[in-house]
Amino acid sequence: MTGRGKFVKSNAQRYLAYKEFLRWHAKSKLNNNPLMNGPLAVEIRFTMPIPQSWSKKKHDTAVGKYHTKKPDADNLVKGVFDSLNKIAWQDDNQVSQVTAIKIYGEKPGIEVKIHELKGV
């Protein structure tokens, strides 16, 4: 996403809207808590929507199963990390440990847990 691309490409516009939504939601949940310092561990659970076109049987068996379609987990994580800069932590370079999972679920959403790391 360089140059004018972020102003005209629909993928770039969706990514920017995704990050802005995450920033807004994080701000509302964190209530201006002080920024976390030092090394951090982050756990992220992406609950992905089940396609409406799937049969009821396929829908029912999909709940809780791994999501292996686009978007890629690393791109989802990048958006979360960029969105939490200056809201949860100073910079995402503080994150030393990451765990992310994408699964299908009845109620799509993102759950983020952040822990300060002590020693190795």
PDB file of N, CA and C in Angstrom:
ATOM      1  N   MET A   1       0.851  -1.167   0.000  1.00  0.00           N
ATOM      2  CA  MET A   1       0.000   0.000   0.000  1.00  0.00           C
ATOM      3  C   MET A   1       0.899   1.232   0.000  1.00  0.00           C
ATOM      4  N   THR A   2       1.268   1.658  -1.190  1.00  0.00           N
ATOM      5  CA  THR A   2       2.159   2.809  -1.299  1.00  0.00           C
ATOM      6  C   THR A   2       1.550   3.858  -2.220  1.00  0.00           C
ATOM      7  N   GLY A   3       2.092   5.053  -2.134  1.00  0.00           N
ATOM      8  CA  GLY A   3       1.675   6.116  -3.034  1.00  0.00           C
ATOM      9  C   GLY A   3       0.185   6.359  -3.017  1.00  0.00           C
ATOM     10  N   ARG A   4      -0.368   6.506  -4.212  1.00  0.00           N
ATOM     11  CA  ARG A   4      -1.793   6.800  -4.332  1.00  0.00           C
ATOM     12  C   ARG A   4      -2.671   5.570  -4.161  1.00  0.00           C
ATOM     13  N   GLY A   5      -2.087   4.371  -4.119  1.00  0.00           N
ATOM     14  CA  GLY A   5      -2.853   3.137  -4.023  1.00  0.00           C
ATOM     15  C   GLY A   5      -3.837   3.120  -2.875  1.00  0.00           C
ATOM     16  N   LYS A   6      -3.452   3.700  -1.745  1.00  0.00           N
ATOM     17  CA  LYS A   6      -4.345   3.666  -0.588  1.00  0.00           C
ATOM     18  C   LYS A   6      -5.593   4.519  -0.787  1.00  0.00           C
ATOM     19  N   PHE A   7      -5.569   5.389  -1.792  1.00  0.00           N
ATOM     20  CA  PHE A   7      -6.722   6.244  -2.035  1.00  0.00           C
ATOM     21  C   PHE A   7      -7.661   5.680  -3.096  1.00  0.00           C
ATOM     22  N   VAL A   8      -7.177   4.754  -3.926  1.00  0.00           N
ATOM     23  CA  VAL A   8      -8.000   4.291  -5.035  1.00  0.00           C
ATOM     24  C   VAL A   8      -8.283   2.789  -5.023  1.00  0.00           C
ATOM     25  N   LYS A   9      -7.441   1.999  -4.422  1.00  0.00           N
ATOM     26  CA  LYS A   9      -7.624   0.552  -4.468  1.00  0.00           C
ATOM     27  C   LYS A   9      -8.590   0.091  -3.389  1.00  0.00           C
ATOM     28  N   SER A  10      -9.557  -0.742  -3.779  1.00  0.00           N
ATOM     29  CA  SER A  10     -10.582  -1.173  -2.830  1.00  0.00           C
ATOM     30  C   SER A  10      -9.994  -2.024  -1.703  1.00  0.00           C
ATOM     31  N   ASN A  11      -8.986  -2.852  -2.006  1.00  0.00           N
ATOM     32  CA  ASN A  11      -8.349  -3.658  -0.956  1.00  0.00           C
ATOM     33  C   ASN A  11      -7.715  -2.764   0.094  1.00  0.00           C
ATOM     34  N   ALA A  12      -7.041  -1.723  -0.357  1.00  0.00           N
ATOM     35  CA  ALA A  12      -6.398  -0.795   0.575  1.00  0.00           C
ATOM     36  C   ALA A  12      -7.447  -0.074   1.415  1.00  0.00           C
ATOM     37  N   GLN A  13      -8.552   0.317   0.802  1.00  0.00           N
ATOM     38  CA  GLN A  13      -9.622   0.994   1.531  1.00  0.00           C
ATOM     39  C   GLN A  13     -10.228   0.079   2.595  1.00  0.00           C
ATOM     40  N   ARG A  14     -10.414  -1.204   2.266  1.00  0.00           N
ATOM     41  CA  ARG A  14     -10.954  -2.159   3.240  1.00  0.00           C
ATOM     42  C   ARG A  14      -9.985  -2.346   4.397  1.00  0.00           C
ATOM     43  N   TYR A  15      -8.677  -2.425   4.088  1.00  0.00           N
ATOM     44  CA  TYR A  15      -7.667  -2.599   5.133  1.00  0.00           C
ATOM     45  C   TYR A  15      -7.648  -1.389   6.068  1.00  0.00           C
ATOM     46  N   LEU A  16      -7.705  -0.192   5.505  1.00  0.00           N
ATOM     47  CA  LEU A  16      -7.711   1.017   6.329  1.00  0.00           C
ATOM     48  C   LEU A  16      -8.970   1.082   7.193  1.00  0.00           C
ATOM     49  N   ALA A  17     -10.111   0.688   6.642  1.00  0.00           N
ATOM     50  CA  ALA A  17     -11.354   0.674   7.420  1.00  0.00           C
ATOM     51  C   ALA A  17     -11.271  -0.362   8.546  1.00  0.00           C
ATOM     52  N   TYR A  18     -10.676  -1.523   8.261  1.00  0.00           N
ATOM     53  CA  TYR A  18     -10.473  -2.579   9.268  1.00  0.00           C
ATOM     54  C   TYR A  18      -9.632  -2.044  10.424  1.00  0.00           C
ATOM     55  N   LYS A  19      -8.504  -1.396  10.099  1.00  0.00           N
ATOM     56  CA  LYS A  19      -7.630  -0.858  11.150  1.00  0.00           C
ATOM     57  C   LYS A  19      -8.333   0.235  11.947  1.00  0.00           C
ATOM     58  N   GLU A  20      -9.070   1.096  11.271  1.00  0.00           N
ATOM     59  CA  GLU A  20      -9.754   2.181  11.971  1.00  0.00           C
ATOM     60  C   GLU A  20     -10.830   1.638  12.905  1.00  0.00           C
ATOM     61  N   PHE A  21     -11.560   0.602  12.481  1.00  0.00           N
ATOM     62  CA  PHE A  21     -12.561  -0.022  13.345  1.00  0.00           C
ATOM     63  C   PHE A  21     -11.892  -0.626  14.576  1.00  0.00           C
ATOM     64  N   LEU A  22     -10.772  -1.323  14.379  1.00  0.00           N
ATOM     65  CA  LEU A  22     -10.054  -1.922  15.508  1.00  0.00           C
ATOM     66  C   LEU A  22      -9.556  -0.857  16.470  1.00  0.00           C
ATOM     67  N   ARG A  23      -9.033   0.242  15.956  1.00  0.00           N
ATOM     68  CA  ARG A  23      -8.549   1.336  16.804  1.00  0.00           C
ATOM     69  C   ARG A  23      -9.697   1.888  17.653  1.00  0.00           C
ATOM     70  N   TRP A  24     -10.827   2.153  17.009  1.00  0.00           N
ATOM     71  CA  TRP A  24     -11.979   2.706  17.724  1.00  0.00           C
ATOM     72  C   TRP A  24     -12.430   1.749  18.825  1.00  0.00           C
ATOM     73  N   HIS A  25     -12.537   0.472  18.488  1.00  0.00           N
ATOM     74  CA  HIS A  25     -13.013  -0.506  19.464  1.00  0.00           C
ATOM     75  C   HIS A  25     -12.013  -0.663  20.621  1.00  0.00           C
ATOM     76  N   ALA A  26     -10.719  -0.705  20.306  1.00  0.00           N
ATOM     77  CA  ALA A  26      -9.696  -0.833  21.351  1.00  0.00           C
ATOM     78  C   ALA A  26      -9.726   0.373  22.287  1.00  0.00           C
ATOM     79  N   LYS A  27      -9.861   1.566  21.731  1.00  0.00           N
ATOM     80  CA  LYS A  27      -9.930   2.771  22.568  1.00  0.00           C
ATOM     81  C   LYS A  27     -11.111   2.693  23.528  1.00  0.00           C
ATOM     82  N   SER A  28     -12.248   2.226  23.043  1.00  0.00           N
ATOM     83  CA  SER A  28     -13.435   2.163  23.895  1.00  0.00           C
ATOM     84  C   SER A  28     -13.277   1.114  24.999  1.00  0.00           C
ATOM     85  N   LYS A  29     -12.565   0.032  24.728  1.00  0.00           N
ATOM     86  CA  LYS A  29     -12.370  -1.023  25.725  1.00  0.00           C
ATOM     87  C   LYS A  29     -11.285  -0.684  26.740  1.00  0.00           C
ATOM     88  N   LEU A  30     -10.244   0.015  26.309  1.00  0.00           N
ATOM     89  CA  LEU A  30      -9.103   0.283  27.197  1.00  0.00           C
ATOM     90  C   LEU A  30      -9.290   1.526  28.062  1.00  0.00           C
ATOM     91  N   ASN A  31     -10.281   2.350  27.761  1.00  0.00           N
ATOM     92  CA  ASN A  31     -10.598   3.514  28.599  1.00  0.00           C
ATOM     93  C   ASN A  31      -9.380   4.341  28.976  1.00  0.00           C
ATOM     94  N   ASN A  32      -8.523   4.641  28.019  1.00  0.00           N
ATOM     95  CA  ASN A  32      -7.327   5.470  28.252  1.00  0.00           C
ATOM     96  C   ASN A  32      -6.390   4.902  29.309  1.00  0.00           C
ATOM     97  N   ASN A  33      -6.315   3.582  29.437  1.00  0.00           N
ATOM     98  CA  ASN A  33      -5.335   2.958  30.342  1.00  0.00           C
ATOM     99  C   ASN A  33      -3.933   3.343  29.890  1.00  0.00           C
ATOM    100  N   PRO A  34      -2.973   3.363  30.809  1.00  0.00           N
ATOM    101  CA  PRO A  34      -1.600   3.685  30.401  1.00  0.00           C
ATOM    102  C   PRO A  34      -1.073   2.639  29.408  1.00  0.00           C
ATOM    103  N   LEU A  35      -0.208   3.086  28.503  1.00  0.00           N
ATOM    104  CA  LEU A  35       0.381   2.183  27.511  1.00  0.00           C
ATOM    105  C   LEU A  35       1.257   1.148  28.206  1.00  0.00           C
ATOM    106  N   MET A  36       1.209  -0.081  27.716  1.00  0.00           N
ATOM    107  CA  MET A  36       2.037  -1.155  28.283  1.00  0.00           C
ATOM    108  C   MET A  36       3.480  -0.942  27.838  1.00  0.00           C
ATOM    109  N   ASN A  37       4.409  -1.247  28.742  1.00  0.00           N
ATOM    110  CA  ASN A  37       5.833  -1.078  28.452  1.00  0.00           C
ATOM    111  C   ASN A  37       6.526  -2.424  28.478  1.00  0.00           C
ATOM    112  N   GLY A  38       7.708  -2.487  27.875  1.00  0.00           N
ATOM    113  CA  GLY A  38       8.501  -3.700  27.918  1.00  0.00           C
ATOM    114  C   GLY A  38       8.003  -4.759  26.963  1.00  0.00           C
ATOM    115  N   PRO A  39       8.592  -5.962  27.051  1.00  0.00           N
ATOM    116  CA  PRO A  39       8.213  -7.050  26.149  1.00  0.00           C
ATOM    117  C   PRO A  39       6.806  -7.570  26.454  1.00  0.00           C
ATOM    118  N   LEU A  40       6.093  -7.908  25.382  1.00  0.00           N
ATOM    119  CA  LEU A  40       4.707  -8.331  25.522  1.00  0.00           C
ATOM    120  C   LEU A  40       4.449  -9.655  24.818  1.00  0.00           C
ATOM    121  N   ALA A  41       3.465 -10.388  25.328  1.00  0.00           N
ATOM    122  CA  ALA A  41       2.935 -11.574  24.666  1.00  0.00           C
ATOM    123  C   ALA A  41       1.502 -11.255  24.263  1.00  0.00           C
ATOM    124  N   VAL A  42       1.139 -11.622  23.040  1.00  0.00           N
ATOM    125  CA  VAL A  42      -0.194 -11.331  22.528  1.00  0.00           C
ATOM    126  C   VAL A  42      -0.837 -12.617  22.020  1.00  0.00           C
ATOM    127  N   GLU A  43      -2.058 -12.858  22.456  1.00  0.00           N
ATOM    128  CA  GLU A  43      -2.860 -13.978  21.963  1.00  0.00           C
ATOM    129  C   GLU A  43      -4.051 -13.385  21.219  1.00  0.00           C
ATOM    130  N   ILE A  44      -4.270 -13.842  19.984  1.00  0.00           N
ATOM    131  CA  ILE A  44      -5.384 -13.322  19.186  1.00  0.00           C
ATOM    132  C   ILE A  44      -6.209 -14.483  18.659  1.00  0.00           C
ATOM    133  N   ARG A  45      -7.509 -14.374  18.842  1.00  0.00           N
ATOM    134  CA  ARG A  45      -8.440 -15.385  18.329  1.00  0.00           C
ATOM    135  C   ARG A  45      -9.359 -14.694  17.326  1.00  0.00           C
ATOM    136  N   PHE A  46      -9.244 -15.100  16.069  1.00  0.00           N
ATOM    137  CA  PHE A  46     -10.097 -14.582  15.015  1.00  0.00           C
ATOM    138  C   PHE A  46     -11.223 -15.589  14.792  1.00  0.00           C
ATOM    139  N   THR A  47     -12.438 -15.210  15.102  1.00  0.00           N
ATOM    140  CA  THR A  47     -13.594 -16.066  14.835  1.00  0.00           C
ATOM    141  C   THR A  47     -14.199 -15.589  13.522  1.00  0.00           C
ATOM    142  N   MET A  48     -14.086 -16.435  12.513  1.00  0.00           N
ATOM    143  CA  MET A  48     -14.465 -16.075  11.156  1.00  0.00           C
ATOM    144  C   MET A  48     -15.908 -16.504  10.868  1.00  0.00           C
ATOM    145  N   PRO A  49     -16.609 -15.739  10.020  1.00  0.00           N
ATOM    146  CA  PRO A  49     -17.987 -16.089   9.702  1.00  0.00           C
ATOM    147  C   PRO A  49     -18.070 -17.365   8.860  1.00  0.00           C
ATOM    148  N   ILE A  50     -19.130 -18.103   9.050  1.00  0.00           N
ATOM    149  CA  ILE A  50     -19.385 -19.295   8.252  1.00  0.00           C
ATOM    150  C   ILE A  50     -20.178 -18.851   7.017  1.00  0.00           C
ATOM    151  N   PRO A  51     -19.733 -19.206   5.820  1.00  0.00           N
ATOM    152  CA  PRO A  51     -20.448 -18.772   4.609  1.00  0.00           C
ATOM    153  C   PRO A  51     -21.927 -19.184   4.633  1.00  0.00           C
ATOM    154  N   GLN A  52     -22.802 -18.259   4.287  1.00  0.00           N
ATOM    155  CA  GLN A  52     -24.233 -18.531   4.283  1.00  0.00           C
ATOM    156  C   GLN A  52     -24.610 -19.566   3.234  1.00  0.00           C
ATOM    157  N   SER A  53     -23.762 -19.706   2.209  1.00  0.00           N
ATOM    158  CA  SER A  53     -24.061 -20.651   1.133  1.00  0.00           C
ATOM    159  C   SER A  53     -23.871 -22.109   1.558  1.00  0.00           C
ATOM    160  N   TRP A  54     -23.227 -22.336   2.705  1.00  0.00           N
ATOM    161  CA  TRP A  54     -22.988 -23.704   3.160  1.00  0.00           C
ATOM    162  C   TRP A  54     -24.273 -24.335   3.662  1.00  0.00           C
ATOM    163  N   SER A  55     -24.386 -25.655   3.461  1.00  0.00           N
ATOM    164  CA  SER A  55     -25.547 -26.394   3.955  1.00  0.00           C
ATOM    165  C   SER A  55     -25.574 -26.352   5.489  1.00  0.00           C
ATOM    166  N   LYS A  56     -26.732 -26.642   6.053  1.00  0.00           N
ATOM    167  CA  LYS A  56     -26.858 -26.645   7.519  1.00  0.00           C
ATOM    168  C   LYS A  56     -25.894 -27.647   8.140  1.00  0.00           C
ATOM    169  N   LYS A  57     -25.767 -28.820   7.520  1.00  0.00           N
ATOM    170  CA  LYS A  57     -24.860 -29.842   8.045  1.00  0.00           C
ATOM    171  C   LYS A  57     -23.411 -29.352   8.024  1.00  0.00           C
ATOM    172  N   LYS A  58     -22.987 -28.772   6.888  1.00  0.00           N
ATOM    173  CA  LYS A  58     -21.615 -28.258   6.785  1.00  0.00           C
ATOM    174  C   LYS A  58     -21.417 -27.092   7.752  1.00  0.00           C
ATOM    175  N   HIS A  59     -22.444 -26.254   7.875  1.00  0.00           N
ATOM    176  CA  HIS A  59     -22.401 -25.122   8.803  1.00  0.00           C
ATOM    177  C   HIS A  59     -22.194 -25.615  10.231  1.00  0.00           C
ATOM    178  N   ASP A  60     -22.991 -26.594  10.641  1.00  0.00           N
ATOM    179  CA  ASP A  60     -22.926 -27.099  12.015  1.00  0.00           C
ATOM    180  C   ASP A  60     -21.590 -27.759  12.332  1.00  0.00           C
ATOM    181  N   THR A  61     -21.010 -28.447  11.358  1.00  0.00           N
ATOM    182  CA  THR A  61     -19.726 -29.114  11.615  1.00  0.00           C
ATOM    183  C   THR A  61     -18.545 -28.140  11.538  1.00  0.00           C
ATOM    184  N   ALA A  62     -18.761 -26.963  10.951  1.00  0.00           N
ATOM    185  CA  ALA A  62     -17.670 -25.992  10.806  1.00  0.00           C
ATOM    186  C   ALA A  62     -17.354 -25.247  12.102  1.00  0.00           C
ATOM    187  N   VAL A  63     -18.335 -25.088  12.972  1.00  0.00           N
ATOM    188  CA  VAL A  63     -18.143 -24.305  14.202  1.00  0.00           C
ATOM    189  C   VAL A  63     -16.971 -24.876  15.008  1.00  0.00           C
ATOM    190  N   GLY A  64     -16.002 -24.004  15.285  1.00  0.00           N
ATOM    191  CA  GLY A  64     -14.833 -24.404  16.069  1.00  0.00           C
ATOM    192  C   GLY A  64     -13.713 -25.030  15.255  1.00  0.00           C
ATOM    193  N   LYS A  65     -13.934 -25.229  13.960  1.00  0.00           N
ATOM    194  CA  LYS A  65     -12.887 -25.813  13.100  1.00  0.00           C
ATOM    195  C   LYS A  65     -11.980 -24.698  12.581  1.00  0.00           C
ATOM    196  N   TYR A  66     -10.769 -25.080  12.197  1.00  0.00           N
ATOM    197  CA  TYR A  66      -9.811 -24.105  11.666  1.00  0.00           C
ATOM    198  C   TYR A  66     -10.314 -23.483  10.370  1.00  0.00           C
ATOM    199  N   HIS A  67     -10.074 -22.208  10.220  1.00  0.00           N
ATOM    200  CA  HIS A  67     -10.401 -21.448   9.010  1.00  0.00           C
ATOM    201  C   HIS A  67      -9.133 -21.407   8.161  1.00  0.00           C
ATOM    202  N   THR A  68      -9.180 -21.960   6.958  1.00  0.00           N
ATOM    203  CA  THR A  68      -7.975 -22.061   6.126  1.00  0.00           C
ATOM    204  C   THR A  68      -8.111 -21.304   4.813  1.00  0.00           C
ATOM    205  N   LYS A  69      -8.999 -20.345   4.759  1.00  0.00           N
ATOM    206  CA  LYS A  69      -9.200 -19.519   3.559  1.00  0.00           C
ATOM    207  C   LYS A  69      -8.625 -18.130   3.815  1.00  0.00           C
ATOM    208  N   LYS A  70      -8.705 -17.273   2.813  1.00  0.00           N
ATOM    209  CA  LYS A  70      -8.299 -15.881   2.991  1.00  0.00           C
ATOM    210  C   LYS A  70      -9.311 -15.192   3.892  1.00  0.00           C
ATOM    211  N   PRO A  71      -8.918 -14.210   4.647  1.00  0.00           N
ATOM    212  CA  PRO A  71      -7.619 -13.562   4.699  1.00  0.00           C
ATOM    213  C   PRO A  71      -6.602 -14.383   5.487  1.00  0.00           C
ATOM    214  N   ASP A  72      -5.330 -14.195   5.150  1.00  0.00           N
ATOM    215  CA  ASP A  72      -4.239 -14.891   5.820  1.00  0.00           C
ATOM    216  C   ASP A  72      -4.104 -14.406   7.261  1.00  0.00           C
ATOM    217  N   ALA A  73      -3.742 -15.310   8.149  1.00  0.00           N
ATOM    218  CA  ALA A  73      -3.595 -14.972   9.568  1.00  0.00           C
ATOM    219  C   ALA A  73      -2.571 -13.860   9.779  1.00  0.00           C
ATOM    220  N   ASP A  74      -1.452 -13.905   9.045  1.00  0.00           N
ATOM    221  CA  ASP A  74      -0.423 -12.882   9.259  1.00  0.00           C
ATOM    222  C   ASP A  74      -0.926 -11.489   8.886  1.00  0.00           C
ATOM    223  N   ASN A  75      -1.779 -11.388   7.877  1.00  0.00           N
ATOM    224  CA  ASN A  75      -2.334 -10.085   7.514  1.00  0.00           C
ATOM    225  C   ASN A  75      -3.330  -9.594   8.560  1.00  0.00           C
ATOM    226  N   LEU A  76      -4.112 -10.503   9.118  1.00  0.00           N
ATOM    227  CA  LEU A  76      -5.035 -10.128  10.189  1.00  0.00           C
ATOM    228  C   LEU A  76      -4.275  -9.642  11.416  1.00  0.00           C
ATOM    229  N   VAL A  77      -3.212 -10.364  11.770  1.00  0.00           N
ATOM    230  CA  VAL A  77      -2.390  -9.990  12.930  1.00  0.00           C
ATOM    231  C   VAL A  77      -1.760  -8.619  12.702  1.00  0.00           C
ATOM    232  N   LYS A  78      -1.238  -8.380  11.503  1.00  0.00           N
ATOM    233  CA  LYS A  78      -0.595  -7.097  11.192  1.00  0.00           C
ATOM    234  C   LYS A  78      -1.579  -5.946  11.412  1.00  0.00           C
ATOM    235  N   GLY A  79      -2.813  -6.126  10.969  1.00  0.00           N
ATOM    236  CA  GLY A  79      -3.816  -5.080  11.172  1.00  0.00           C
ATOM    237  C   GLY A  79      -4.095  -4.817  12.641  1.00  0.00           C
ATOM    238  N   VAL A  80      -4.178  -5.880  13.437  1.00  0.00           N
ATOM    239  CA  VAL A  80      -4.393  -5.726  14.880  1.00  0.00           C
ATOM    240  C   VAL A  80      -3.210  -4.990  15.502  1.00  0.00           C
ATOM    241  N   PHE A  81      -1.998  -5.428  15.170  1.00  0.00           N
ATOM    242  CA  PHE A  81      -0.810  -4.801  15.759  1.00  0.00           C
ATOM    243  C   PHE A  81      -0.734  -3.319  15.402  1.00  0.00           C
ATOM    244  N   ASP A  82      -0.925  -2.984  14.125  1.00  0.00           N
ATOM    245  CA  ASP A  82      -0.874  -1.578  13.711  1.00  0.00           C
ATOM    246  C   ASP A  82      -1.943  -0.761  14.419  1.00  0.00           C
ATOM    247  N   SER A  83      -3.108  -1.352  14.617  1.00  0.00           N
ATOM    248  CA  SER A  83      -4.212  -0.634  15.253  1.00  0.00           C
ATOM    249  C   SER A  83      -3.971  -0.352  16.730  1.00  0.00           C
ATOM    250  N   LEU A  84      -3.210  -1.202  17.400  1.00  0.00           N
ATOM    251  CA  LEU A  84      -2.993  -1.043  18.837  1.00  0.00           C
ATOM    252  C   LEU A  84      -1.795  -0.158  19.190  1.00  0.00           C
ATOM    253  N   ASN A  85      -1.027   0.275  18.170  1.00  0.00           N
ATOM    254  CA  ASN A  85       0.064   1.212  18.428  1.00  0.00           C
ATOM    255  C   ASN A  85      -0.489   2.491  19.037  1.00  0.00           C
ATOM    256  N   LYS A  86       0.129   2.944  20.111  1.00  0.00           N
ATOM    257  CA  LYS A  86      -0.230   4.163  20.842  1.00  0.00           C
ATOM    258  C   LYS A  86      -1.597   4.069  21.521  1.00  0.00           C
ATOM    259  N   ILE A  87      -2.183   2.847  21.559  1.00  0.00           N
ATOM    260  CA  ILE A  87      -3.437   2.643  22.277  1.00  0.00           C
ATOM    261  C   ILE A  87      -3.229   1.633  23.400  1.00  0.00           C
ATOM    262  N   ALA A  88      -2.660   0.470  23.071  1.00  0.00           N
ATOM    263  CA  ALA A  88      -2.378  -0.552  24.084  1.00  0.00           C
ATOM    264  C   ALA A  88      -0.901  -0.554  24.451  1.00  0.00           C
ATOM    265  N   TRP A  89      -0.055  -0.277  23.469  1.00  0.00           N
ATOM    266  CA  TRP A  89       1.393  -0.254  23.669  1.00  0.00           C
ATOM    267  C   TRP A  89       1.991   0.899  22.877  1.00  0.00           C
ATOM    268  N   GLN A  90       3.241   1.198  23.164  1.00  0.00           N
ATOM    269  CA  GLN A  90       3.908   2.280  22.452  1.00  0.00           C
ATOM    270  C   GLN A  90       4.079   1.926  20.977  1.00  0.00           C
ATOM    271  N   ASP A  91       4.640   0.736  20.708  1.00  0.00           N
ATOM    272  CA  ASP A  91       4.878   0.288  19.338  1.00  0.00           C
ATOM    273  C   ASP A  91       4.801  -1.232  19.299  1.00  0.00           C
ATOM    274  N   ASP A  92       4.371  -1.776  18.183  1.00  0.00           N
ATOM    275  CA  ASP A  92       4.227  -3.228  18.092  1.00  0.00           C
ATOM    276  C   ASP A  92       5.557  -3.976  18.087  1.00  0.00           C
ATOM    277  N   ASN A  93       6.670  -3.250  18.038  1.00  0.00           N
ATOM    278  CA  ASN A  93       7.965  -3.933  18.169  1.00  0.00           C
ATOM    279  C   ASN A  93       8.184  -4.463  19.585  1.00  0.00           C
ATOM    280  N   GLN A  94       7.328  -4.089  20.534  1.00  0.00           N
ATOM    281  CA  GLN A  94       7.402  -4.615  21.898  1.00  0.00           C
ATOM    282  C   GLN A  94       6.911  -6.054  21.981  1.00  0.00           C
ATOM    283  N   VAL A  95       6.150  -6.496  20.983  1.00  0.00           N
ATOM    284  CA  VAL A  95       5.577  -7.835  21.009  1.00  0.00           C
ATOM    285  C   VAL A  95       6.671  -8.855  20.709  1.00  0.00           C
ATOM    286  N   SER A  96       6.963  -9.688  21.699  1.00  0.00           N
ATOM    287  CA  SER A  96       8.004 -10.705  21.580  1.00  0.00           C
ATOM    288  C   SER A  96       7.436 -12.099  21.370  1.00  0.00           C
ATOM    289  N   GLN A  97       6.171 -12.278  21.684  1.00  0.00           N
ATOM    290  CA  GLN A  97       5.538 -13.592  21.565  1.00  0.00           C
ATOM    291  C   GLN A  97       4.132 -13.404  21.014  1.00  0.00           C
ATOM    292  N   VAL A  98       3.793 -14.177  19.964  1.00  0.00           N
ATOM    293  CA  VAL A  98       2.487 -14.067  19.324  1.00  0.00           C
ATOM    294  C   VAL A  98       1.864 -15.445  19.169  1.00  0.00           C
ATOM    295  N   THR A  99       0.596 -15.547  19.514  1.00  0.00           N
ATOM    296  CA  THR A  99      -0.189 -16.738  19.241  1.00  0.00           C
ATOM    297  C   THR A  99      -1.463 -16.263  18.558  1.00  0.00           C
ATOM    298  N   ALA A 100      -1.756 -16.825  17.384  1.00  0.00           N
ATOM    299  CA  ALA A 100      -2.958 -16.433  16.657  1.00  0.00           C
ATOM    300  C   ALA A 100      -3.655 -17.680  16.143  1.00  0.00           C
ATOM    301  N   ILE A 101      -4.970 -17.632  16.147  1.00  0.00           N
ATOM    302  CA  ILE A 101      -5.763 -18.744  15.631  1.00  0.00           C
ATOM    303  C   ILE A 101      -6.944 -18.166  14.857  1.00  0.00           C
ATOM    304  N   LYS A 102      -7.270 -18.827  13.723  1.00  0.00           N
ATOM    305  CA  LYS A 102      -8.458 -18.481  12.935  1.00  0.00           C
ATOM    306  C   LYS A 102      -9.383 -19.692  12.969  1.00  0.00           C
ATOM    307  N   ILE A 103     -10.595 -19.483  13.453  1.00  0.00           N
ATOM    308  CA  ILE A 103     -11.574 -20.577  13.479  1.00  0.00           C
ATOM    309  C   ILE A 103     -12.924 -20.053  12.983  1.00  0.00           C
ATOM    310  N   TYR A 104     -13.758 -20.983  12.554  1.00  0.00           N
ATOM    311  CA  TYR A 104     -15.126 -20.625  12.192  1.00  0.00           C
ATOM    312  C   TYR A 104     -15.964 -20.530  13.456  1.00  0.00           C
ATOM    313  N   GLY A 105     -16.923 -19.602  13.451  1.00  0.00           N
ATOM    314  CA  GLY A 105     -17.798 -19.483  14.601  1.00  0.00           C
ATOM    315  C   GLY A 105     -19.123 -18.839  14.244  1.00  0.00           C
ATOM    316  N   GLU A 106     -20.100 -19.048  15.107  1.00  0.00           N
ATOM    317  CA  GLU A 106     -21.430 -18.475  14.904  1.00  0.00           C
ATOM    318  C   GLU A 106     -21.399 -16.947  14.965  1.00  0.00           C
ATOM    319  N   LYS A 107     -20.554 -16.425  15.857  1.00  0.00           N
ATOM    320  CA  LYS A 107     -20.493 -14.977  16.051  1.00  0.00           C
ATOM    321  C   LYS A 107     -19.075 -14.495  15.706  1.00  0.00           C
ATOM    322  N   PRO A 108     -18.873 -13.922  14.506  1.00  0.00           N
ATOM    323  CA  PRO A 108     -17.546 -13.460  14.119  1.00  0.00           C
ATOM    324  C   PRO A 108     -17.020 -12.381  15.064  1.00  0.00           C
ATOM    325  N   GLY A 109     -15.707 -12.361  15.239  1.00  0.00           N
ATOM    326  CA  GLY A 109     -15.109 -11.350  16.089  1.00  0.00           C
ATOM    327  C   GLY A 109     -13.619 -11.584  16.285  1.00  0.00           C
ATOM    328  N   ILE A 110     -13.012 -10.696  17.047  1.00  0.00           N
ATOM    329  CA  ILE A 110     -11.583 -10.768  17.349  1.00  0.00           C
ATOM    330  C   ILE A 110     -11.421 -10.603  18.845  1.00  0.00           C
ATOM    331  N   GLU A 111     -10.704 -11.523  19.461  1.00  0.00           N
ATOM    332  CA  GLU A 111     -10.398 -11.437  20.895  1.00  0.00           C
ATOM    333  C   GLU A 111      -8.890 -11.302  21.036  1.00  0.00           C
ATOM    334  N   VAL A 112      -8.454 -10.280  21.759  1.00  0.00           N
ATOM    335  CA  VAL A 112      -7.031 -10.009  21.942  1.00  0.00           C
ATOM    336  C   VAL A 112      -6.711 -10.012  23.428  1.00  0.00           C
ATOM    337  N   LYS A 113      -5.701 -10.779  23.806  1.00  0.00           N
ATOM    338  CA  LYS A 113      -5.204 -10.778  25.180  1.00  0.00           C
ATOM    339  C   LYS A 113      -3.739 -10.366  25.141  1.00  0.00           C
ATOM    340  N   ILE A 114      -3.374  -9.427  26.004  1.00  0.00           N
ATOM    341  CA  ILE A 114      -2.009  -8.910  26.045  1.00  0.00           C
ATOM    342  C   ILE A 114      -1.463  -9.105  27.445  1.00  0.00           C
ATOM    343  N   HIS A 115      -0.250  -9.668  27.521  1.00  0.00           N
ATOM    344  CA  HIS A 115       0.404  -9.905  28.808  1.00  0.00           C
ATOM    345  C   HIS A 115       1.820  -9.342  28.762  1.00  0.00           C
ATOM    346  N   GLU A 116       2.226  -8.717  29.862  1.00  0.00           N
ATOM    347  CA  GLU A 116       3.612  -8.286  29.970  1.00  0.00           C
ATOM    348  C   GLU A 116       4.482  -9.506  30.269  1.00  0.00           C
ATOM    349  N   LEU A 117       5.609  -9.618  29.610  1.00  0.00           N
ATOM    350  CA  LEU A 117       6.532 -10.734  29.831  1.00  0.00           C
ATOM    351  C   LEU A 117       7.557 -10.368  30.889  1.00  0.00           C
ATOM    352  N   LYS A 118       7.818 -11.305  31.766  1.00  0.00           N
ATOM    353  CA  LYS A 118       8.814 -11.115  32.829  1.00  0.00           C
ATOM    354  C   LYS A 118       9.925 -12.131  32.633  1.00  0.00           C
ATOM    355  N   GLY A 119      11.127 -11.712  32.338  1.00  0.00           N
ATOM    356  CA  GLY A 119      12.260 -12.637  32.205  1.00  0.00           C
ATOM    357  C   GLY A 119      12.088 -13.643  31.093  1.00  0.00           C
ATOM    358  N   VAL A 120      13.072 -14.487  30.940  1.00  0.00           N
ATOM    359  CA  VAL A 120      13.016 -15.535  29.897  1.00  0.00           C
ATOM    360  C   VAL A 120      13.028 -16.893  30.557  1.00  0.00           C
TER     361      VAL A 120
END
